[in-house]
């Protein structure tokens, strides 16, 4: 059922969004570095690597510059058109192709780079690779303002590794343990809700048994 929903929803989303995606592809080709897509190796189901599709919003060598795979607010590596695409998350829409291919699902843990995947505990890594990574998930909902969280830190990479990554790992473990059609559908509903109402803390009401965030994150995540 879930795979059927993945194919149906991603195909429908591509059809509906094509009037937006095609002009963006043309504009990216004519601006910045002339690249339309950014392809990056991510960890998939069973630990297998796959190429993740995104619209090119950053310098092509950005993983080897500055904060690497961690993106911060006003990141100087972001291209002119990339600021809009990154802020609105439109840059993530090409991942609908990954869903159709079977690399990803609409909902599950977010696909990680090897560097970020390595920051999780062995138990968290074991849980994450049990399922296909997703376009959205609990951590995507809660950390939609992650760049601002990192912006206020003196050492953003260290804060990510020591505070954000462990909690993200706990959320992914929770998701794998609570996977099912209800969780799948409600994650989609909550994702759409927070797109319209970014300050909403509805995720805590819908999923009342989520792992409690550390003190350093509780306020930023709107946990009551």
C-alpha atoms as a PDB file:
ATOM      1  CA  UNK A   1       0.000   0.000   0.000  1.00  0.00           C
ATOM      2  CA  UNK A   2       2.737   2.466   0.928  1.00  0.00           C
ATOM      3  CA  UNK A   3       4.696   1.854  -2.267  1.00  0.00           C
ATOM      4  CA  UNK A   4       1.511   2.368  -4.262  1.00  0.00           C
ATOM      5  CA  UNK A   5       0.917   5.667  -2.431  1.00  0.00           C
ATOM      6  CA  UNK A   6       4.536   6.691  -3.040  1.00  0.00           C
ATOM      7  CA  UNK A   7       4.171   6.194  -6.795  1.00  0.00           C
ATOM      8  CA  UNK A   8       0.726   7.791  -6.981  1.00  0.00           C
ATOM      9  CA  UNK A   9       1.553  10.848  -4.841  1.00  0.00           C
ATOM     10  CA  UNK A  10       4.979  11.537  -6.376  1.00  0.00           C
ATOM     11  CA  UNK A  11       3.599  11.144  -9.922  1.00  0.00           C
ATOM     12  CA  UNK A  12       0.702  13.461  -9.129  1.00  0.00           C
ATOM     13  CA  UNK A  13       3.023  16.014  -7.503  1.00  0.00           C
ATOM     14  CA  UNK A  14       5.332  16.017 -10.533  1.00  0.00           C
ATOM     15  CA  UNK A  15       2.375  16.540 -12.863  1.00  0.00           C
ATOM     16  CA  UNK A  16       0.921  19.387 -10.790  1.00  0.00           C
ATOM     17  CA  UNK A  17       4.272  21.100 -10.191  1.00  0.00           C
ATOM     18  CA  UNK A  18       5.655  20.765 -13.731  1.00  0.00           C
ATOM     19  CA  UNK A  19       4.556  24.334 -14.728  1.00  0.00           C
ATOM     20  CA  UNK A  20       6.807  25.539 -11.879  1.00  0.00           C
ATOM     21  CA  UNK A  21       9.669  23.080 -12.242  1.00  0.00           C
ATOM     22  CA  UNK A  22      10.336  23.577 -15.945  1.00  0.00           C
ATOM     23  CA  UNK A  23      10.852  27.393 -15.770  1.00  0.00           C
ATOM     24  CA  UNK A  24      13.099  26.910 -12.713  1.00  0.00           C
ATOM     25  CA  UNK A  25      15.224  24.421 -14.650  1.00  0.00           C
ATOM     26  CA  UNK A  26      15.611  26.927 -17.504  1.00  0.00           C
ATOM     27  CA  UNK A  27      16.515  29.791 -15.124  1.00  0.00           C
ATOM     28  CA  UNK A  28      19.101  27.671 -13.337  1.00  0.00           C
ATOM     29  CA  UNK A  29      20.645  26.741 -16.668  1.00  0.00           C
ATOM     30  CA  UNK A  30      20.989  30.421 -17.558  1.00  0.00           C
ATOM     31  CA  UNK A  31      22.246  31.649 -14.164  1.00  0.00           C
ATOM     32  CA  UNK A  32      24.719  30.750 -11.424  1.00  0.00           C
ATOM     33  CA  UNK A  33      27.079  28.014 -12.560  1.00  0.00           C
ATOM     34  CA  UNK A  34      24.729  26.822 -15.288  1.00  0.00           C
ATOM     35  CA  UNK A  35      23.831  23.596 -13.506  1.00  0.00           C
ATOM     36  CA  UNK A  36      20.206  22.490 -13.129  1.00  0.00           C
ATOM     37  CA  UNK A  37      20.580  19.544 -10.772  1.00  0.00           C
ATOM     38  CA  UNK A  38      22.840  18.768  -7.852  1.00  0.00           C
ATOM     39  CA  UNK A  39      23.441  15.029  -7.429  1.00  0.00           C
ATOM     40  CA  UNK A  40      24.892  13.717  -4.190  1.00  0.00           C
ATOM     41  CA  UNK A  41      25.508  10.262  -2.735  1.00  0.00           C
ATOM     42  CA  UNK A  42      23.143   9.486   0.151  1.00  0.00           C
ATOM     43  CA  UNK A  43      22.701   6.441   2.374  1.00  0.00           C
ATOM     44  CA  UNK A  44      19.619   4.432   1.409  1.00  0.00           C
ATOM     45  CA  UNK A  45      17.808   1.303   2.497  1.00  0.00           C
ATOM     46  CA  UNK A  46      20.167  -1.441   3.586  1.00  0.00           C
ATOM     47  CA  UNK A  47      23.021   1.070   3.650  1.00  0.00           C
ATOM     48  CA  UNK A  48      23.212   1.165  -0.159  1.00  0.00           C
ATOM     49  CA  UNK A  49      24.227   4.471  -1.742  1.00  0.00           C
ATOM     50  CA  UNK A  50      22.054   6.284  -4.276  1.00  0.00           C
ATOM     51  CA  UNK A  51      22.174   9.612  -6.108  1.00  0.00           C
ATOM     52  CA  UNK A  52      19.866  12.188  -4.528  1.00  0.00           C
ATOM     53  CA  UNK A  53      18.415  14.822  -6.889  1.00  0.00           C
ATOM     54  CA  UNK A  54      18.096  18.477  -5.915  1.00  0.00           C
ATOM     55  CA  UNK A  55      17.952  21.707  -7.837  1.00  0.00           C
ATOM     56  CA  UNK A  56      21.423  23.269  -7.830  1.00  0.00           C
ATOM     57  CA  UNK A  57      21.280  26.006  -5.191  1.00  0.00           C
ATOM     58  CA  UNK A  58      24.911  26.043  -4.026  1.00  0.00           C
ATOM     59  CA  UNK A  59      28.381  26.146  -5.507  1.00  0.00           C
ATOM     60  CA  UNK A  60      29.173  22.782  -7.065  1.00  0.00           C
ATOM     61  CA  UNK A  61      32.112  22.190  -4.706  1.00  0.00           C
ATOM     62  CA  UNK A  62      30.154  23.288  -1.606  1.00  0.00           C
ATOM     63  CA  UNK A  63      30.578  19.943   0.297  1.00  0.00           C
ATOM     64  CA  UNK A  64      34.323  20.683   0.375  1.00  0.00           C
ATOM     65  CA  UNK A  65      33.971  24.364   1.346  1.00  0.00           C
ATOM     66  CA  UNK A  66      33.152  26.037   4.658  1.00  0.00           C
ATOM     67  CA  UNK A  67      30.792  23.992   6.851  1.00  0.00           C
ATOM     68  CA  UNK A  68      30.696  21.092   4.391  1.00  0.00           C
ATOM     69  CA  UNK A  69      27.357  19.229   4.368  1.00  0.00           C
ATOM     70  CA  UNK A  70      25.919  21.482   7.110  1.00  0.00           C
ATOM     71  CA  UNK A  71      24.067  24.521   5.694  1.00  0.00           C
ATOM     72  CA  UNK A  72      23.793  27.646   7.850  1.00  0.00           C
ATOM     73  CA  UNK A  73      21.788  30.867   7.573  1.00  0.00           C
ATOM     74  CA  UNK A  74      23.115  33.269   4.901  1.00  0.00           C
ATOM     75  CA  UNK A  75      25.516  30.552   3.768  1.00  0.00           C
ATOM     76  CA  UNK A  76      27.934  32.254   1.304  1.00  0.00           C
ATOM     77  CA  UNK A  77      27.991  29.115  -0.858  1.00  0.00           C
ATOM     78  CA  UNK A  78      24.339  29.558  -1.873  1.00  0.00           C
ATOM     79  CA  UNK A  79      23.852  30.883  -5.410  1.00  0.00           C
ATOM     80  CA  UNK A  80      21.635  33.965  -6.088  1.00  0.00           C
ATOM     81  CA  UNK A  81      18.559  32.012  -7.146  1.00  0.00           C
ATOM     82  CA  UNK A  82      19.365  29.361  -4.588  1.00  0.00           C
ATOM     83  CA  UNK A  83      18.289  31.504  -1.631  1.00  0.00           C
ATOM     84  CA  UNK A  84      14.653  31.436  -2.766  1.00  0.00           C
ATOM     85  CA  UNK A  85      14.690  27.761  -3.734  1.00  0.00           C
ATOM     86  CA  UNK A  86      16.379  26.746  -0.494  1.00  0.00           C
ATOM     87  CA  UNK A  87      14.137  28.816   1.773  1.00  0.00           C
ATOM     88  CA  UNK A  88      10.931  27.548   0.141  1.00  0.00           C
ATOM     89  CA  UNK A  89      12.296  23.973  -0.074  1.00  0.00           C
ATOM     90  CA  UNK A  90      11.472  23.935  -3.799  1.00  0.00           C
ATOM     91  CA  UNK A  91      15.035  22.700  -4.330  1.00  0.00           C
ATOM     92  CA  UNK A  92      13.915  19.368  -2.785  1.00  0.00           C
ATOM     93  CA  UNK A  93      11.162  18.687  -5.355  1.00  0.00           C
ATOM     94  CA  UNK A  94      13.392  16.790  -7.844  1.00  0.00           C
ATOM     95  CA  UNK A  95      13.502  14.063  -5.166  1.00  0.00           C
ATOM     96  CA  UNK A  96      10.061  13.112  -6.464  1.00  0.00           C
ATOM     97  CA  UNK A  97      12.083  11.369  -9.214  1.00  0.00           C
ATOM     98  CA  UNK A  98      13.966   9.426  -6.542  1.00  0.00           C
ATOM     99  CA  UNK A  99      10.615   8.297  -5.133  1.00  0.00           C
ATOM    100  CA  UNK A 100       9.392   7.091  -8.522  1.00  0.00           C
ATOM    101  CA  UNK A 101      12.672   5.196  -9.010  1.00  0.00           C
ATOM    102  CA  UNK A 102      12.264   3.467  -5.656  1.00  0.00           C
ATOM    103  CA  UNK A 103      15.281   5.073  -3.959  1.00  0.00           C
ATOM    104  CA  UNK A 104      13.035   6.961  -1.544  1.00  0.00           C
ATOM    105  CA  UNK A 105       9.553   7.158  -0.073  1.00  0.00           C
ATOM    106  CA  UNK A 106       7.323  10.206   0.426  1.00  0.00           C
ATOM    107  CA  UNK A 107       7.788   9.789   4.187  1.00  0.00           C
ATOM    108  CA  UNK A 108      10.527   8.137   6.278  1.00  0.00           C
ATOM    109  CA  UNK A 109      13.875   9.257   7.751  1.00  0.00           C
ATOM    110  CA  UNK A 110      15.627  11.897   5.635  1.00  0.00           C
ATOM    111  CA  UNK A 111      18.433  10.582   3.372  1.00  0.00           C
ATOM    112  CA  UNK A 112      21.796  11.310   4.964  1.00  0.00           C
ATOM    113  CA  UNK A 113      25.224  11.984   3.548  1.00  0.00           C
ATOM    114  CA  UNK A 114      27.826   9.497   4.752  1.00  0.00           C
ATOM    115  CA  UNK A 115      29.346  12.181   6.966  1.00  0.00           C
ATOM    116  CA  UNK A 116      26.034  12.947   8.739  1.00  0.00           C
ATOM    117  CA  UNK A 117      25.060   9.266   8.865  1.00  0.00           C
ATOM    118  CA  UNK A 118      28.332   8.532  10.659  1.00  0.00           C
ATOM    119  CA  UNK A 119      27.379  11.003  13.415  1.00  0.00           C
ATOM    120  CA  UNK A 120      24.501   8.731  14.501  1.00  0.00           C
ATOM    121  CA  UNK A 121      24.983   5.953  17.050  1.00  0.00           C
ATOM    122  CA  UNK A 122      25.298   2.357  15.740  1.00  0.00           C
ATOM    123  CA  UNK A 123      21.763   1.608  17.021  1.00  0.00           C
ATOM    124  CA  UNK A 124      20.361   4.636  15.200  1.00  0.00           C
ATOM    125  CA  UNK A 125      22.188   3.712  11.996  1.00  0.00           C
ATOM    126  CA  UNK A 126      20.817   0.159  12.196  1.00  0.00           C
ATOM    127  CA  UNK A 127      17.250   1.481  12.516  1.00  0.00           C
ATOM    128  CA  UNK A 128      17.559   4.068   9.747  1.00  0.00           C
ATOM    129  CA  UNK A 129      18.747   1.638   7.045  1.00  0.00           C
ATOM    130  CA  UNK A 130      15.757  -0.639   7.627  1.00  0.00           C
ATOM    131  CA  UNK A 131      13.560   1.624   5.486  1.00  0.00           C
ATOM    132  CA  UNK A 132      13.750   3.808   2.398  1.00  0.00           C
ATOM    133  CA  UNK A 133      14.655   7.425   3.219  1.00  0.00           C
ATOM    134  CA  UNK A 134      11.897   9.969   2.671  1.00  0.00           C
ATOM    135  CA  UNK A 135      11.166  13.364   1.166  1.00  0.00           C
ATOM    136  CA  UNK A 136       9.676  14.405   4.506  1.00  0.00           C
ATOM    137  CA  UNK A 137       9.645  13.016   8.022  1.00  0.00           C
ATOM    138  CA  UNK A 138       9.502  13.984  11.663  1.00  0.00           C
ATOM    139  CA  UNK A 139      12.973  15.553  11.638  1.00  0.00           C
ATOM    140  CA  UNK A 140      12.124  17.545   8.478  1.00  0.00           C
ATOM    141  CA  UNK A 141       9.043  18.937  10.220  1.00  0.00           C
ATOM    142  CA  UNK A 142      10.801  19.809  13.477  1.00  0.00           C
ATOM    143  CA  UNK A 143      14.042  21.074  11.934  1.00  0.00           C
ATOM    144  CA  UNK A 144      12.508  23.154   9.144  1.00  0.00           C
ATOM    145  CA  UNK A 145      14.279  26.183  10.689  1.00  0.00           C
ATOM    146  CA  UNK A 146      17.576  24.394  11.283  1.00  0.00           C
ATOM    147  CA  UNK A 147      19.689  27.059   9.575  1.00  0.00           C
ATOM    148  CA  UNK A 148      18.561  29.689  12.088  1.00  0.00           C
ATOM    149  CA  UNK A 149      19.266  27.281  14.969  1.00  0.00           C
ATOM    150  CA  UNK A 150      22.823  26.861  13.715  1.00  0.00           C
ATOM    151  CA  UNK A 151      23.277  30.564  12.939  1.00  0.00           C
ATOM    152  CA  UNK A 152      23.239  31.507  16.634  1.00  0.00           C
ATOM    153  CA  UNK A 153      25.981  29.000  17.520  1.00  0.00           C
ATOM    154  CA  UNK A 154      29.670  29.881  17.766  1.00  0.00           C
ATOM    155  CA  UNK A 155      30.633  26.476  16.344  1.00  0.00           C
ATOM    156  CA  UNK A 156      27.719  25.382  14.157  1.00  0.00           C
ATOM    157  CA  UNK A 157      29.311  22.105  13.027  1.00  0.00           C
ATOM    158  CA  UNK A 158      30.054  21.029  16.593  1.00  0.00           C
ATOM    159  CA  UNK A 159      26.529  21.977  17.733  1.00  0.00           C
ATOM    160  CA  UNK A 160      25.096  19.909  14.872  1.00  0.00           C
ATOM    161  CA  UNK A 161      27.222  16.869  15.725  1.00  0.00           C
ATOM    162  CA  UNK A 162      26.796  17.011  19.504  1.00  0.00           C
ATOM    163  CA  UNK A 163      23.203  18.286  19.917  1.00  0.00           C
ATOM    164  CA  UNK A 164      21.155  18.145  16.707  1.00  0.00           C
ATOM    165  CA  UNK A 165      22.400  14.847  15.220  1.00  0.00           C
ATOM    166  CA  UNK A 166      21.794  12.735  18.373  1.00  0.00           C
ATOM    167  CA  UNK A 167      18.235  14.027  18.649  1.00  0.00           C
ATOM    168  CA  UNK A 168      17.580  13.553  14.937  1.00  0.00           C
ATOM    169  CA  UNK A 169      18.800   9.986  15.340  1.00  0.00           C
ATOM    170  CA  UNK A 170      16.365   9.449  18.225  1.00  0.00           C
ATOM    171  CA  UNK A 171      13.523  10.807  16.062  1.00  0.00           C
ATOM    172  CA  UNK A 172      14.412   8.448  13.225  1.00  0.00           C
ATOM    173  CA  UNK A 173      14.483   5.495  15.639  1.00  0.00           C
ATOM    174  CA  UNK A 174      11.060   6.559  16.854  1.00  0.00           C
ATOM    175  CA  UNK A 175       9.737   6.726  13.302  1.00  0.00           C
ATOM    176  CA  UNK A 176      10.993   3.271  12.362  1.00  0.00           C
ATOM    177  CA  UNK A 177       9.514   1.830  15.573  1.00  0.00           C
ATOM    178  CA  UNK A 178       6.156   3.556  14.912  1.00  0.00           C
ATOM    179  CA  UNK A 179       5.975   3.108  11.153  1.00  0.00           C
ATOM    180  CA  UNK A 180       2.597   2.384   9.625  1.00  0.00           C
ATOM    181  CA  UNK A 181      -0.065   3.845   7.371  1.00  0.00           C
ATOM    182  CA  UNK A 182      -1.364   6.223  10.068  1.00  0.00           C
ATOM    183  CA  UNK A 183       2.098   7.664  10.748  1.00  0.00           C
ATOM    184  CA  UNK A 184       2.784   7.897   7.012  1.00  0.00           C
ATOM    185  CA  UNK A 185      -0.425   9.807   6.263  1.00  0.00           C
ATOM    186  CA  UNK A 186      -0.249  12.062   9.322  1.00  0.00           C
ATOM    187  CA  UNK A 187       3.358  13.026   8.515  1.00  0.00           C
ATOM    188  CA  UNK A 188       2.174  14.197   5.080  1.00  0.00           C
ATOM    189  CA  UNK A 189      -0.727  16.122   6.641  1.00  0.00           C
ATOM    190  CA  UNK A 190       1.505  17.769   9.271  1.00  0.00           C
ATOM    191  CA  UNK A 191       4.149  18.618   6.641  1.00  0.00           C
ATOM    192  CA  UNK A 192       1.550  20.447   4.542  1.00  0.00           C
ATOM    193  CA  UNK A 193       0.194  22.156   7.668  1.00  0.00           C
ATOM    194  CA  UNK A 194       3.558  23.564   8.771  1.00  0.00           C
ATOM    195  CA  UNK A 195       4.278  24.781   5.232  1.00  0.00           C
ATOM    196  CA  UNK A 196       1.166  26.952   5.566  1.00  0.00           C
ATOM    197  CA  UNK A 197       1.682  27.722   9.268  1.00  0.00           C
ATOM    198  CA  UNK A 198       5.454  27.600   9.930  1.00  0.00           C
ATOM    199  CA  UNK A 199       5.186  28.553  13.606  1.00  0.00           C
ATOM    200  CA  UNK A 200       2.702  25.782  14.399  1.00  0.00           C
ATOM    201  CA  UNK A 201       3.623  23.211  17.044  1.00  0.00           C
ATOM    202  CA  UNK A 202       0.925  20.790  15.900  1.00  0.00           C
ATOM    203  CA  UNK A 203       3.467  17.978  15.483  1.00  0.00           C
ATOM    204  CA  UNK A 204       3.682  17.657  19.287  1.00  0.00           C
ATOM    205  CA  UNK A 205      -0.100  17.230  19.512  1.00  0.00           C
ATOM    206  CA  UNK A 206      -0.391  14.748  16.637  1.00  0.00           C
ATOM    207  CA  UNK A 207       2.577  12.644  17.755  1.00  0.00           C
ATOM    208  CA  UNK A 208       2.365  12.881  21.535  1.00  0.00           C
ATOM    209  CA  UNK A 209       5.001  10.241  22.295  1.00  0.00           C
ATOM    210  CA  UNK A 210       7.936  11.762  20.409  1.00  0.00           C
ATOM    211  CA  UNK A 211      11.325  11.651  22.162  1.00  0.00           C
ATOM    212  CA  UNK A 212      11.801  14.673  24.403  1.00  0.00           C
ATOM    213  CA  UNK A 213      14.332  17.111  22.902  1.00  0.00           C
ATOM    214  CA  UNK A 214      17.406  18.225  24.865  1.00  0.00           C
ATOM    215  CA  UNK A 215      17.168  21.531  26.724  1.00  0.00           C
ATOM    216  CA  UNK A 216      19.319  23.262  24.093  1.00  0.00           C
ATOM    217  CA  UNK A 217      16.690  22.487  21.420  1.00  0.00           C
ATOM    218  CA  UNK A 218      13.359  22.469  23.261  1.00  0.00           C
ATOM    219  CA  UNK A 219      12.510  26.147  22.812  1.00  0.00           C
ATOM    220  CA  UNK A 220      13.604  26.290  19.156  1.00  0.00           C
ATOM    221  CA  UNK A 221      11.519  23.213  18.354  1.00  0.00           C
ATOM    222  CA  UNK A 222       8.418  24.602  20.067  1.00  0.00           C
ATOM    223  CA  UNK A 223       8.145  21.677  22.468  1.00  0.00           C
ATOM    224  CA  UNK A 224       5.754  22.481  25.321  1.00  0.00           C
END
